Amino acid sequence: RAKIETIREQELEKALSRLGTEFADKHQEVIEAL
């Protein structure tokens, strides 16, 4: 679980950085939950 969670957090961070700062917080929460 720890290894998969680390991978999830790293890939999520990459995706959010590509989406840019204009990406709303509520959208980040949706992708986090997804």
All heavy atoms as atom14 arrays in JSON, in Angstrom:
{
  "sequence": "RAKIETIREQELEKALSRLGTEFADKHQEVIEAL",
  "atom14_mask": [
    [1, 1, 1, 1, 1, 1, 1, 1, 1, 1, 1, 0, 0, 0],
    [1, 1, 1, 1, 1, 0, 0, 0, 0, 0, 0, 0, 0, 0],
    [1, 1, 1, 1, 1, 1, 1, 1, 1, 0, 0, 0, 0, 0],
    [1, 1, 1, 1, 1, 1, 1, 1, 0, 0, 0, 0, 0, 0],
    [1, 1, 1, 1, 1, 1, 1, 1, 1, 0, 0, 0, 0, 0],
    [1, 1, 1, 1, 1, 1, 1, 0, 0, 0, 0, 0, 0, 0],
    [1, 1, 1, 1, 1, 1, 1, 1, 0, 0, 0, 0, 0, 0],
    [1, 1, 1, 1, 1, 1, 1, 1, 1, 1, 1, 0, 0, 0],
    [1, 1, 1, 1, 1, 1, 1, 1, 1, 0, 0, 0, 0, 0],
    [1, 1, 1, 1, 1, 1, 1, 1, 1, 0, 0, 0, 0, 0],
    [1, 1, 1, 1, 1, 1, 1, 1, 1, 0, 0, 0, 0, 0],
    [1, 1, 1, 1, 1, 1, 1, 1, 0, 0, 0, 0, 0, 0],
    [1, 1, 1, 1, 1, 1, 1, 1, 1, 0, 0, 0, 0, 0],
    [1, 1, 1, 1, 1, 1, 1, 1, 1, 0, 0, 0, 0, 0],
    [1, 1, 1, 1, 1, 0, 0, 0, 0, 0, 0, 0, 0, 0],
    [1, 1, 1, 1, 1, 1, 1, 1, 0, 0, 0, 0, 0, 0],
    [1, 1, 1, 1, 1, 1, 0, 0, 0, 0, 0, 0, 0, 0],
    [1, 1, 1, 1, 1, 1, 1, 1, 1, 1, 1, 0, 0, 0],
    [1, 1, 1, 1, 1, 1, 1, 1, 0, 0, 0, 0, 0, 0],
    [1, 1, 1, 1, 0, 0, 0, 0, 0, 0, 0, 0, 0, 0],
    [1, 1, 1, 1, 1, 1, 1, 0, 0, 0, 0, 0, 0, 0],
    [1, 1, 1, 1, 1, 1, 1, 1, 1, 0, 0, 0, 0, 0],
    [1, 1, 1, 1, 1, 1, 1, 1, 1, 1, 1, 0, 0, 0],
    [1, 1, 1, 1, 1, 0, 0, 0, 0, 0, 0, 0, 0, 0],
    [1, 1, 1, 1, 1, 1, 1, 1, 0, 0, 0, 0, 0, 0],
    [1, 1, 1, 1, 1, 1, 1, 1, 1, 0, 0, 0, 0, 0],
    [1, 1, 1, 1, 1, 1, 1, 1, 1, 1, 0, 0, 0, 0],
    [1, 1, 1, 1, 1, 1, 1, 1, 1, 0, 0, 0, 0, 0],
    [1, 1, 1, 1, 1, 1, 1, 1, 1, 0, 0, 0, 0, 0],
    [1, 1, 1, 1, 1, 1, 1, 0, 0, 0, 0, 0, 0, 0],
    [1, 1, 1, 1, 1, 1, 1, 1, 0, 0, 0, 0, 0, 0],
    [1, 1, 1, 1, 1, 1, 1, 1, 1, 0, 0, 0, 0, 0],
    [1, 1, 1, 1, 1, 0, 0, 0, 0, 0, 0, 0, 0, 0],
    [1, 1, 1, 1, 1, 1, 1, 1, 0, 0, 0, 0, 0, 0]
  ],
  "atom14_positions": [
    [[0.84, -1.21, 0.0], [0.0, 0.0, 0.0], [0.87, 1.26, 0.0], [0.57, 2.23, -0.71], [-0.95, 0.0, 1.2], [-1.79, 1.26, 1.29], [-2.87, 1.16, 2.34], [-4.0, 0.39, 1.86], [-4.94, 0.85, 1.04], [-4.85, 2.09, 0.54], [-5.94, 0.1, 0.68], [0.0, 0.0, 0.0], [0.0, 0.0, 0.0], [0.0, 0.0, 0.0]],
    [[1.94, 1.26, 0.79], [2.81, 2.44, 0.87], [3.46, 2.73, -0.49], [3.57, 3.89, -0.91], [3.87, 2.22, 1.94], [0.0, 0.0, 0.0], [0.0, 0.0, 0.0], [0.0, 0.0, 0.0], [0.0, 0.0, 0.0], [0.0, 0.0, 0.0], [0.0, 0.0, 0.0], [0.0, 0.0, 0.0], [0.0, 0.0, 0.0], [0.0, 0.0, 0.0]],
    [[3.89, 1.64, -1.15], [4.55, 1.84, -2.46], [3.57, 2.37, -3.49], [3.88, 3.32, -4.25], [5.16, 0.53, -2.94], [5.85, 0.66, -4.29], [6.99, -0.3, -4.43], [7.85, 0.05, -5.64], [9.05, -0.78, -5.72], [0.0, 0.0, 0.0], [0.0, 0.0, 0.0], [0.0, 0.0, 0.0], [0.0, 0.0, 0.0], [0.0, 0.0, 0.0]],
    [[2.37, 1.78, -3.54], [1.36, 2.24, -4.51], [0.94, 3.67, -4.19], [0.73, 4.49, -5.11], [0.14, 1.3, -4.49], [0.55, -0.13, -4.88], [-0.95, 1.81, -5.43], [1.17, -0.25, -6.25], [0.0, 0.0, 0.0], [0.0, 0.0, 0.0], [0.0, 0.0, 0.0], [0.0, 0.0, 0.0], [0.0, 0.0, 0.0], [0.0, 0.0, 0.0]],
    [[0.83, 4.01, -2.9], [0.44, 5.36, -2.52], [1.51, 6.37, -2.93], [1.19, 7.48, -3.39], [0.2, 5.42, -1.01], [-0.2, 6.78, -0.46], [-1.52, 7.29, -1.0], [-2.32, 6.49, -1.56], [-1.77, 8.51, -0.88], [0.0, 0.0, 0.0], [0.0, 0.0, 0.0], [0.0, 0.0, 0.0], [0.0, 0.0, 0.0], [0.0, 0.0, 0.0]],
    [[2.77, 5.99, -2.78], [3.86, 6.87, -3.21], [3.79, 7.15, -4.71], [3.93, 8.29, -5.17], [5.22, 6.25, -2.86], [5.31, 6.08, -1.44], [6.38, 7.14, -3.32], [0.0, 0.0, 0.0], [0.0, 0.0, 0.0], [0.0, 0.0, 0.0], [0.0, 0.0, 0.0], [0.0, 0.0, 0.0], [0.0, 0.0, 0.0], [0.0, 0.0, 0.0]],
    [[3.54, 6.08, -5.49], [3.4, 6.23, -6.95], [2.22, 7.13, -7.27], [2.29, 8.02, -8.13], [3.23, 4.85, -7.62], [4.52, 4.03, -7.45], [2.87, 5.0, -9.09], [4.39, 2.58, -7.87], [0.0, 0.0, 0.0], [0.0, 0.0, 0.0], [0.0, 0.0, 0.0], [0.0, 0.0, 0.0], [0.0, 0.0, 0.0], [0.0, 0.0, 0.0]],
    [[1.08, 6.92, -6.58], [-0.11, 7.72, -6.84], [0.17, 9.2, -6.58], [-0.18, 10.07, -7.4], [-1.25, 7.24, -5.93], [-2.59, 7.96, -6.2], [-3.59, 7.7, -5.09], [-3.21, 8.39, -3.86], [-3.46, 9.68, -3.62], [-4.07, 10.43, -4.54], [-3.09, 10.23, -2.49], [0.0, 0.0, 0.0], [0.0, 0.0, 0.0], [0.0, 0.0, 0.0]],
    [[0.82, 9.5, -5.46], [1.08, 10.89, -5.11], [2.04, 11.54, -6.11], [1.84, 12.71, -6.51], [1.69, 10.96, -3.69], [0.68, 10.63, -2.59], [1.32, 10.6, -1.21], [2.57, 10.65, -1.13], [0.58, 10.52, -0.22], [0.0, 0.0, 0.0], [0.0, 0.0, 0.0], [0.0, 0.0, 0.0], [0.0, 0.0, 0.0], [0.0, 0.0, 0.0]],
    [[3.06, 10.79, -6.53], [4.02, 11.34, -7.5], [3.35, 11.64, -8.85], [3.56, 12.72, -9.44], [5.18, 10.36, -7.71], [6.09, 10.23, -6.49], [7.11, 9.11, -6.64], [6.98, 8.26, -7.54], [8.11, 9.09, -5.78], [0.0, 0.0, 0.0], [0.0, 0.0, 0.0], [0.0, 0.0, 0.0], [0.0, 0.0, 0.0], [0.0, 0.0, 0.0]],
    [[2.55, 10.72, -9.36], [1.89, 10.9, -10.65], [0.83, 11.99, -10.57], [0.63, 12.75, -11.52], [1.26, 9.58, -11.1], [2.26, 8.49, -11.41], [3.28, 8.93, -12.45], [2.87, 9.48, -13.51], [4.5, 8.77, -12.2], [0.0, 0.0, 0.0], [0.0, 0.0, 0.0], [0.0, 0.0, 0.0], [0.0, 0.0, 0.0], [0.0, 0.0, 0.0]],
    [[0.15, 12.08, -9.41], [-0.86, 13.13, -9.25], [-0.19, 14.5, -9.26], [-0.69, 15.45, -9.88], [-1.62, 12.91, -7.93], [-2.68, 13.96, -7.58], [-3.78, 13.99, -8.64], [-3.29, 13.68, -6.21], [0.0, 0.0, 0.0], [0.0, 0.0, 0.0], [0.0, 0.0, 0.0], [0.0, 0.0, 0.0], [0.0, 0.0, 0.0], [0.0, 0.0, 0.0]],
    [[0.95, 14.59, -8.58], [1.68, 15.87, -8.54], [2.11, 16.29, -9.94], [2.0, 17.47, -10.32], [2.89, 15.74, -7.62], [3.62, 17.05, -7.37], [4.77, 16.9, -6.4], [4.89, 15.83, -5.76], [5.57, 17.86, -6.3], [0.0, 0.0, 0.0], [0.0, 0.0, 0.0], [0.0, 0.0, 0.0], [0.0, 0.0, 0.0], [0.0, 0.0, 0.0]],
    [[2.59, 15.33, -10.75], [2.99, 15.64, -12.13], [1.8, 16.15, -12.93], [1.89, 17.14, -13.67], [3.55, 14.39, -12.81], [4.91, 13.95, -12.3], [5.34, 12.68, -13.03], [6.62, 12.1, -12.47], [6.99, 10.83, -13.14], [0.0, 0.0, 0.0], [0.0, 0.0, 0.0], [0.0, 0.0, 0.0], [0.0, 0.0, 0.0], [0.0, 0.0, 0.0]],
    [[0.67, 15.45, -12.81], [-0.52, 15.83, -13.58], [-1.0, 17.22, -13.2], [-1.34, 18.04, -14.08], [-1.61, 14.79, -13.36], [0.0, 0.0, 0.0], [0.0, 0.0, 0.0], [0.0, 0.0, 0.0], [0.0, 0.0, 0.0], [0.0, 0.0, 0.0], [0.0, 0.0, 0.0], [0.0, 0.0, 0.0], [0.0, 0.0, 0.0], [0.0, 0.0, 0.0]],
    [[-1.03, 17.51, -11.88], [-1.51, 18.82, -11.43], [-0.58, 19.94, -11.88], [-1.04, 21.04, -12.19], [-1.67, 18.82, -9.9], [-2.78, 17.91, -9.34], [-2.76, 17.93, -7.82], [-4.15, 18.35, -9.86], [0.0, 0.0, 0.0], [0.0, 0.0, 0.0], [0.0, 0.0, 0.0], [0.0, 0.0, 0.0], [0.0, 0.0, 0.0], [0.0, 0.0, 0.0]],
    [[0.72, 19.65, -11.89], [1.68, 20.69, -12.32], [1.48, 21.03, -13.8], [1.67, 22.17, -14.22], [3.12, 20.25, -12.05], [3.46, 19.13, -12.86], [0.0, 0.0, 0.0], [0.0, 0.0, 0.0], [0.0, 0.0, 0.0], [0.0, 0.0, 0.0], [0.0, 0.0, 0.0], [0.0, 0.0, 0.0], [0.0, 0.0, 0.0], [0.0, 0.0, 0.0]],
    [[1.1, 20.02, -14.61], [0.87, 20.27, -16.04], [-0.43, 21.04, -16.27], [-0.55, 21.77, -17.25], [0.82, 18.94, -16.8], [2.18, 18.26, -16.94], [2.19, 17.22, -18.05], [1.22, 16.16, -17.82], [1.49, 15.02, -17.17], [2.72, 14.82, -16.69], [0.57, 14.1, -17.01], [0.0, 0.0, 0.0], [0.0, 0.0, 0.0], [0.0, 0.0, 0.0]],
    [[-1.38, 20.86, -15.37], [-2.66, 21.54, -15.53], [-2.56, 23.02, -15.19], [-3.41, 23.81, -15.6], [-3.73, 20.86, -14.67], [-4.18, 19.47, -15.13], [-5.05, 18.8, -14.08], [-4.94, 19.58, -16.45], [0.0, 0.0, 0.0], [0.0, 0.0, 0.0], [0.0, 0.0, 0.0], [0.0, 0.0, 0.0], [0.0, 0.0, 0.0], [0.0, 0.0, 0.0]],
    [[-1.56, 23.39, -14.39], [-1.34, 24.8, -14.12], [-2.09, 25.3, -12.91], [-2.99, 24.65, -12.37], [0.0, 0.0, 0.0], [0.0, 0.0, 0.0], [0.0, 0.0, 0.0], [0.0, 0.0, 0.0], [0.0, 0.0, 0.0], [0.0, 0.0, 0.0], [0.0, 0.0, 0.0], [0.0, 0.0, 0.0], [0.0, 0.0, 0.0], [0.0, 0.0, 0.0]],
    [[-1.75, 26.53, -12.5], [-2.31, 27.12, -11.28], [-3.79, 27.47, -11.43], [-4.49, 27.66, -10.44], [-1.54, 28.4, -10.9], [-1.55, 29.29, -12.02], [-0.09, 28.07, -10.53], [0.0, 0.0, 0.0], [0.0, 0.0, 0.0], [0.0, 0.0, 0.0], [0.0, 0.0, 0.0], [0.0, 0.0, 0.0], [0.0, 0.0, 0.0], [0.0, 0.0, 0.0]],
    [[-4.24, 27.65, -12.7], [-5.65, 28.03, -12.88], [-6.6, 26.87, -12.57], [-7.83, 27.06, -12.51], [-5.88, 28.51, -14.32], [-5.84, 27.42, -15.4], [-4.43, 27.04, -15.81], [-3.47, 27.59, -15.2], [-4.28, 26.21, -16.72], [0.0, 0.0, 0.0], [0.0, 0.0, 0.0], [0.0, 0.0, 0.0], [0.0, 0.0, 0.0], [0.0, 0.0, 0.0]],
    [[-6.02, 25.67, -12.33], [-6.86, 24.5, -12.05], [-7.49, 24.65, -10.67], [-6.78, 24.79, -9.67], [-6.01, 23.22, -12.12], [-6.83, 21.97, -12.29], [-7.5, 21.74, -13.48], [-6.93, 21.03, -11.28], [-8.24, 20.59, -13.68], [-7.67, 19.89, -11.45], [-8.32, 19.65, -12.65], [0.0, 0.0, 0.0], [0.0, 0.0, 0.0], [0.0, 0.0, 0.0]],
    [[-8.79, 24.71, -10.59], [-9.48, 25.02, -9.33], [-9.24, 23.94, -8.27], [-9.06, 22.77, -8.58], [-10.98, 25.16, -9.6], [0.0, 0.0, 0.0], [0.0, 0.0, 0.0], [0.0, 0.0, 0.0], [0.0, 0.0, 0.0], [0.0, 0.0, 0.0], [0.0, 0.0, 0.0], [0.0, 0.0, 0.0], [0.0, 0.0, 0.0], [0.0, 0.0, 0.0]],
    [[-9.29, 24.4, -6.98], [-9.09, 23.47, -5.86], [-10.1, 22.33, -5.88], [-9.77, 21.18, -5.59], [-9.2, 24.21, -4.52], [-7.99, 25.1, -4.28], [-6.98, 24.9, -4.97], [-8.07, 25.97, -3.39], [0.0, 0.0, 0.0], [0.0, 0.0, 0.0], [0.0, 0.0, 0.0], [0.0, 0.0, 0.0], [0.0, 0.0, 0.0], [0.0, 0.0, 0.0]],
    [[-11.33, 22.64, -6.24], [-12.36, 21.6, -6.22], [-12.07, 20.52, -7.27], [-12.38, 19.36, -7.09], [-13.75, 22.19, -6.43], [-13.99, 22.82, -7.78], [-15.44, 23.3, -7.88], [-15.72, 23.92, -9.25], [-17.13, 24.36, -9.35], [0.0, 0.0, 0.0], [0.0, 0.0, 0.0], [0.0, 0.0, 0.0], [0.0, 0.0, 0.0], [0.0, 0.0, 0.0]],
    [[-11.43, 20.93, -8.37], [-11.06, 19.93, -9.38], [-9.93, 19.05, -8.88], [-9.88, 17.86, -9.16], [-10.66, 20.64, -10.68], [-11.81, 21.36, -11.33], [-11.66, 22.58, -11.95], [-13.12, 21.03, -11.42], [-12.84, 22.97, -12.42], [-13.74, 22.05, -12.11], [0.0, 0.0, 0.0], [0.0, 0.0, 0.0], [0.0, 0.0, 0.0], [0.0, 0.0, 0.0]],
    [[-9.0, 19.67, -8.13], [-7.92, 18.89, -7.55], [-8.48, 17.83, -6.59], [-8.02, 16.69, -6.56], [-6.94, 19.81, -6.79], [-6.15, 20.73, -7.7], [-5.14, 21.54, -6.91], [-4.64, 21.09, -5.89], [-4.82, 22.73, -7.41], [0.0, 0.0, 0.0], [0.0, 0.0, 0.0], [0.0, 0.0, 0.0], [0.0, 0.0, 0.0], [0.0, 0.0, 0.0]],
    [[-9.48, 18.2, -5.79], [-10.09, 17.28, -4.83], [-10.75, 16.11, -5.55], [-10.69, 14.96, -5.1], [-11.11, 18.01, -3.96], [-10.47, 19.01, -2.99], [-11.52, 19.83, -2.26], [-12.73, 19.57, -2.46], [-11.13, 20.75, -1.51], [0.0, 0.0, 0.0], [0.0, 0.0, 0.0], [0.0, 0.0, 0.0], [0.0, 0.0, 0.0], [0.0, 0.0, 0.0]],
    [[-11.39, 16.42, -6.71], [-12.05, 15.36, -7.48], [-11.02, 14.36, -7.99], [-11.21, 13.14, -7.89], [-12.86, 15.97, -8.64], [-13.33, 14.86, -9.59], [-14.05, 16.76, -8.12], [0.0, 0.0, 0.0], [0.0, 0.0, 0.0], [0.0, 0.0, 0.0], [0.0, 0.0, 0.0], [0.0, 0.0, 0.0], [0.0, 0.0, 0.0], [0.0, 0.0, 0.0]],
    [[-9.92, 14.87, -8.54], [-8.89, 13.97, -9.07], [-8.21, 13.19, -7.94], [-7.89, 12.01, -8.09], [-7.86, 14.76, -9.9], [-8.53, 15.33, -11.15], [-6.67, 13.88, -10.28], [-7.6, 16.04, -12.1], [0.0, 0.0, 0.0], [0.0, 0.0, 0.0], [0.0, 0.0, 0.0], [0.0, 0.0, 0.0], [0.0, 0.0, 0.0], [0.0, 0.0, 0.0]],
    [[-8.0, 13.87, -6.8], [-7.42, 13.18, -5.63], [-8.31, 12.0, -5.22], [-7.82, 10.88, -5.02], [-7.31, 14.18, -4.46], [-6.89, 13.56, -3.13], [-5.39, 13.52, -2.96], [-4.67, 14.25, -3.67], [-4.93, 12.73, -2.12], [0.0, 0.0, 0.0], [0.0, 0.0, 0.0], [0.0, 0.0, 0.0], [0.0, 0.0, 0.0], [0.0, 0.0, 0.0]],
    [[-9.63, 12.25, -5.12], [-10.56, 11.18, -4.75], [-10.59, 10.09, -5.8], [-10.67, 8.89, -5.48], [-11.96, 11.77, -4.55], [0.0, 0.0, 0.0], [0.0, 0.0, 0.0], [0.0, 0.0, 0.0], [0.0, 0.0, 0.0], [0.0, 0.0, 0.0], [0.0, 0.0, 0.0], [0.0, 0.0, 0.0], [0.0, 0.0, 0.0], [0.0, 0.0, 0.0]],
    [[-10.53, 10.47, -7.07], [-10.54, 9.5, -8.17], [-9.35, 8.55, -8.07], [-9.5, 7.33, -8.15], [-10.53, 10.24, -9.5], [-10.34, 9.37, -10.76], [-11.54, 8.45, -10.96], [-10.1, 10.24, -11.99], [0.0, 0.0, 0.0], [0.0, 0.0, 0.0], [0.0, 0.0, 0.0], [0.0, 0.0, 0.0], [0.0, 0.0, 0.0], [0.0, 0.0, 0.0]]
  ]
}
